[in-house]
Amino acid sequence: MCINEYHEFKAKEGETLKDTYSRFNILISKCKRSGVIRSNEDNNMLFLKSLGAEWMHLTMSMRATLDLESLSLADMHVITPKVYMCIVVLVPNQQL
């Protein structure tokens, strides 16, 4: 059951980044208790993919430039809004 929830995880419409992170973190903990453990890279990739189309430019940049294997999910939660702000400030006409 945990594996299906894990692979089908998506941000909910109108959900904040913090809420998405919290739900995903709870799911990872639930999976660990069930003996299903994924690598940091797997968790980070799924978290980025789950954010939805409006985050696509950001997530593609992060996947290409960050070492997702060495970052924890907590690191991703801290980094994601900072990268988003850099893109919005540096490229204001970019569609996110």
Protein backbone atom coordinates (compact mmCIF):
# COMPACT_ATOMS: atom_id res chain seq x y z
CA MET A 1 0.00 0.00 0.00
CA CYS A 2 2.77 2.44 0.90
CA ILE A 3 4.51 1.87 -2.42
CA ASN A 4 1.39 2.86 -4.37
CA GLU A 5 0.89 6.00 -2.28
CA TYR A 6 4.55 6.86 -2.76
CA HIS A 7 4.51 6.54 -6.55
CA GLU A 8 1.18 8.35 -6.89
CA PHE A 9 2.13 11.26 -4.63
CA LYS A 10 1.22 14.69 -6.04
CA ALA A 11 0.78 18.15 -4.61
CA LYS A 12 -2.87 19.02 -4.13
CA GLU A 13 -4.37 22.00 -5.92
CA GLY A 14 -4.03 25.11 -3.79
CA GLU A 15 -1.67 23.37 -1.35
CA THR A 16 1.33 25.34 -0.13
CA LEU A 17 4.86 24.09 -0.62
CA LYS A 18 5.10 23.59 3.14
CA ASP A 19 1.94 21.48 3.20
CA THR A 20 3.14 19.35 0.28
CA TYR A 21 6.48 18.85 2.02
CA SER A 22 4.76 17.88 5.29
CA ARG A 23 2.48 15.34 3.61
CA PHE A 24 5.38 13.84 1.69
CA ASN A 25 7.56 13.67 4.80
CA ILE A 26 4.77 11.85 6.66
CA LEU A 27 4.45 9.41 3.75
CA ILE A 28 8.19 8.71 3.76
CA SER A 29 8.06 8.01 7.51
CA LYS A 30 5.08 5.70 7.00
CA CYS A 31 6.95 3.84 4.27
CA LYS A 32 10.04 3.48 6.47
CA ARG A 33 7.92 1.94 9.25
CA SER A 34 6.65 -0.53 6.64
CA GLY A 35 10.20 -1.39 5.61
CA VAL A 36 10.09 0.55 2.33
CA ILE A 37 13.12 2.83 2.20
CA ARG A 38 13.98 5.00 -0.78
CA SER A 39 17.20 6.89 -1.45
CA ASN A 40 17.47 10.65 -0.96
CA GLU A 41 17.70 10.99 -4.72
CA ASP A 42 14.45 9.03 -5.26
CA ASN A 43 12.64 11.07 -2.60
CA ASN A 44 13.94 14.38 -3.93
CA MET A 45 13.09 13.55 -7.54
CA LEU A 46 9.57 12.51 -6.59
CA PHE A 47 9.11 15.62 -4.45
CA LEU A 48 10.17 17.86 -7.34
CA LYS A 49 7.99 15.98 -9.83
CA SER A 50 5.01 16.16 -7.48
CA LEU A 51 4.96 19.96 -7.42
CA GLY A 52 3.02 20.34 -10.65
CA ALA A 53 3.30 22.17 -13.94
CA GLU A 54 3.68 25.65 -12.47
CA TRP A 55 6.96 24.53 -10.89
CA MET A 56 8.31 22.72 -13.99
CA HIS A 57 10.98 25.28 -14.93
CA LEU A 58 12.25 25.40 -11.38
CA THR A 59 12.27 21.64 -10.88
CA MET A 60 14.08 21.04 -14.17
CA SER A 61 16.77 23.52 -13.13
CA MET A 62 17.14 21.94 -9.72
CA ARG A 63 17.35 18.40 -11.13
CA ALA A 64 20.05 19.52 -13.56
CA THR A 65 22.19 21.48 -11.11
CA LEU A 66 21.82 19.94 -7.64
CA ASP A 67 23.26 16.70 -6.29
CA LEU A 68 19.89 15.25 -5.30
CA GLU A 69 21.50 12.15 -3.82
CA SER A 70 23.37 14.09 -1.15
CA LEU A 71 20.47 16.35 -0.13
CA SER A 72 17.85 15.38 2.41
CA LEU A 73 14.18 16.13 1.86
CA ALA A 74 14.52 18.85 4.52
CA ASP A 75 17.33 20.41 2.45
CA MET A 76 15.06 20.37 -0.60
CA HIS A 77 12.30 22.06 1.37
CA VAL A 78 14.68 24.87 2.32
CA ILE A 79 16.30 25.21 -1.12
CA THR A 80 13.18 25.09 -3.32
CA PRO A 81 11.65 28.45 -2.31
CA LYS A 82 15.08 30.13 -2.47
CA VAL A 83 15.68 28.89 -6.02
CA TYR A 84 12.15 29.94 -6.94
CA MET A 85 12.79 33.47 -5.66
CA CYS A 86 16.08 33.67 -7.59
CA ILE A 87 14.34 32.71 -10.81
CA VAL A 88 11.47 35.16 -10.24
CA VAL A 89 13.88 38.01 -9.41
CA LEU A 90 16.49 37.23 -12.09
CA VAL A 91 14.06 36.27 -14.86
CA PRO A 92 10.86 38.21 -14.08
CA ASN A 93 9.15 37.48 -17.40
CA GLN A 94 9.69 33.72 -17.07
CA GLN A 95 6.48 31.69 -16.96
CA LEU A 96 6.61 29.41 -13.91
